[in-house]
Amino acid sequence: MLLHTDVNPANVRIGSSAVLVDWAAVGRGAPFVNPCDFVICLIASGHLPGEADYYARTASTAWLHIF
């Protein structure tokens, strides 16, 4: 599976949907890596751990089906 490996607020564009941009650090790995990276980014951005987990679980269902 392709991994973005640099999920941070500057690399997510939000409009009618969220889109990851800046794929310079693309890699391959397990499908759970991007959602886990997203949780860490959300917590670092000030979200509570429970909120971050909820957002990642909600997003990861769609995220895992993209690839």
C-alpha atoms as a PDB file:
ATOM      1  CA  MET A   1       0.000   0.000   0.000  1.00  0.00           C
ATOM      2  CA  LEU A   2       1.205   3.530  -0.723  1.00  0.00           C
ATOM      3  CA  LEU A   3       1.899   5.618   2.375  1.00  0.00           C
ATOM      4  CA  HIS A   4       1.978   9.391   2.472  1.00  0.00           C
ATOM      5  CA  THR A   5       4.327   9.406   5.521  1.00  0.00           C
ATOM      6  CA  ASP A   6       4.063  13.194   6.024  1.00  0.00           C
ATOM      7  CA  VAL A   7       0.505  13.797   7.196  1.00  0.00           C
ATOM      8  CA  ASN A   8       0.366  17.275   8.689  1.00  0.00           C
ATOM      9  CA  PRO A   9      -1.989  20.262   8.366  1.00  0.00           C
ATOM     10  CA  ALA A  10       0.054  21.798   5.541  1.00  0.00           C
ATOM     11  CA  ASN A  11      -0.384  18.645   3.445  1.00  0.00           C
ATOM     12  CA  VAL A  12      -4.154  18.299   3.752  1.00  0.00           C
ATOM     13  CA  ARG A  13      -6.457  20.404   1.578  1.00  0.00           C
ATOM     14  CA  ILE A  14     -10.065  20.478   2.679  1.00  0.00           C
ATOM     15  CA  GLY A  15     -12.940  21.405   0.384  1.00  0.00           C
ATOM     16  CA  SER A  16     -15.885  19.155  -0.357  1.00  0.00           C
ATOM     17  CA  SER A  17     -13.481  16.367   0.666  1.00  0.00           C
ATOM     18  CA  ALA A  18     -10.020  16.096   2.224  1.00  0.00           C
ATOM     19  CA  VAL A  19      -7.114  15.572  -0.160  1.00  0.00           C
ATOM     20  CA  LEU A  20      -3.509  14.750   0.717  1.00  0.00           C
ATOM     21  CA  VAL A  21      -0.962  16.816  -1.189  1.00  0.00           C
ATOM     22  CA  ASP A  22       2.859  16.834  -1.305  1.00  0.00           C
ATOM     23  CA  TRP A  23       3.658  13.187  -1.892  1.00  0.00           C
ATOM     24  CA  ALA A  24       7.447  13.749  -1.924  1.00  0.00           C
ATOM     25  CA  ALA A  25       8.014  11.283   0.933  1.00  0.00           C
ATOM     26  CA  VAL A  26       5.831   8.479  -0.434  1.00  0.00           C
ATOM     27  CA  GLY A  27       6.589   4.956   0.707  1.00  0.00           C
ATOM     28  CA  ARG A  28       5.093   1.489   0.972  1.00  0.00           C
ATOM     29  CA  GLY A  29       3.863  -0.246   4.077  1.00  0.00           C
ATOM     30  CA  ALA A  30       0.990  -1.527   6.178  1.00  0.00           C
ATOM     31  CA  PRO A  31      -2.417   0.110   5.663  1.00  0.00           C
ATOM     32  CA  PHE A  32      -2.667   1.240   9.301  1.00  0.00           C
ATOM     33  CA  VAL A  33       0.371   3.561   9.105  1.00  0.00           C
ATOM     34  CA  ASN A  34      -1.319   6.621   7.537  1.00  0.00           C
ATOM     35  CA  PRO A  35      -4.275   6.676   9.981  1.00  0.00           C
ATOM     36  CA  CYS A  36      -1.864   6.256  12.931  1.00  0.00           C
ATOM     37  CA  ASP A  37       0.267   9.106  11.601  1.00  0.00           C
ATOM     38  CA  PHE A  38      -2.931  11.161  11.312  1.00  0.00           C
ATOM     39  CA  VAL A  39      -3.750  10.543  15.008  1.00  0.00           C
ATOM     40  CA  ILE A  40      -0.311  11.749  16.093  1.00  0.00           C
ATOM     41  CA  CYS A  41      -0.661  14.854  13.925  1.00  0.00           C
ATOM     42  CA  LEU A  42      -4.109  15.651  15.335  1.00  0.00           C
ATOM     43  CA  ILE A  43      -2.909  15.299  18.942  1.00  0.00           C
ATOM     44  CA  ALA A  44       0.129  17.467  18.188  1.00  0.00           C
ATOM     45  CA  SER A  45      -2.250  20.057  16.721  1.00  0.00           C
ATOM     46  CA  GLY A  46      -4.209  20.255  19.982  1.00  0.00           C
ATOM     47  CA  HIS A  47      -6.982  17.660  19.615  1.00  0.00           C
ATOM     48  CA  LEU A  48      -7.739  15.393  22.541  1.00  0.00           C
ATOM     49  CA  PRO A  49      -6.609  11.773  22.064  1.00  0.00           C
ATOM     50  CA  GLY A  50     -10.214  10.518  21.998  1.00  0.00           C
ATOM     51  CA  GLU A  51     -11.174  13.037  19.319  1.00  0.00           C
ATOM     52  CA  ALA A  52      -8.108  12.173  17.253  1.00  0.00           C
ATOM     53  CA  ASP A  53      -8.901   8.465  17.477  1.00  0.00           C
ATOM     54  CA  TYR A  54     -12.514   9.079  16.414  1.00  0.00           C
ATOM     55  CA  TYR A  55     -11.489  11.227  13.430  1.00  0.00           C
ATOM     56  CA  ALA A  56      -8.888   8.700  12.301  1.00  0.00           C
ATOM     57  CA  ARG A  57     -11.290   5.769  12.595  1.00  0.00           C
ATOM     58  CA  THR A  58     -13.914   7.694  10.629  1.00  0.00           C
ATOM     59  CA  ALA A  59     -11.427   8.770   7.971  1.00  0.00           C
ATOM     60  CA  SER A  60      -9.534   5.483   7.814  1.00  0.00           C
ATOM     61  CA  THR A  61     -12.534   3.553   6.504  1.00  0.00           C
ATOM     62  CA  ALA A  62     -12.562   5.739   3.396  1.00  0.00           C
ATOM     63  CA  TRP A  63      -8.781   6.128   3.450  1.00  0.00           C
ATOM     64  CA  LEU A  64      -8.100   2.400   3.247  1.00  0.00           C
ATOM     65  CA  HIS A  65     -10.424   2.046   0.246  1.00  0.00           C
ATOM     66  CA  ILE A  66      -8.704   4.800  -1.759  1.00  0.00           C
ATOM     67  CA  PHE A  67      -5.784   2.560  -2.602  1.00  0.00           C
END
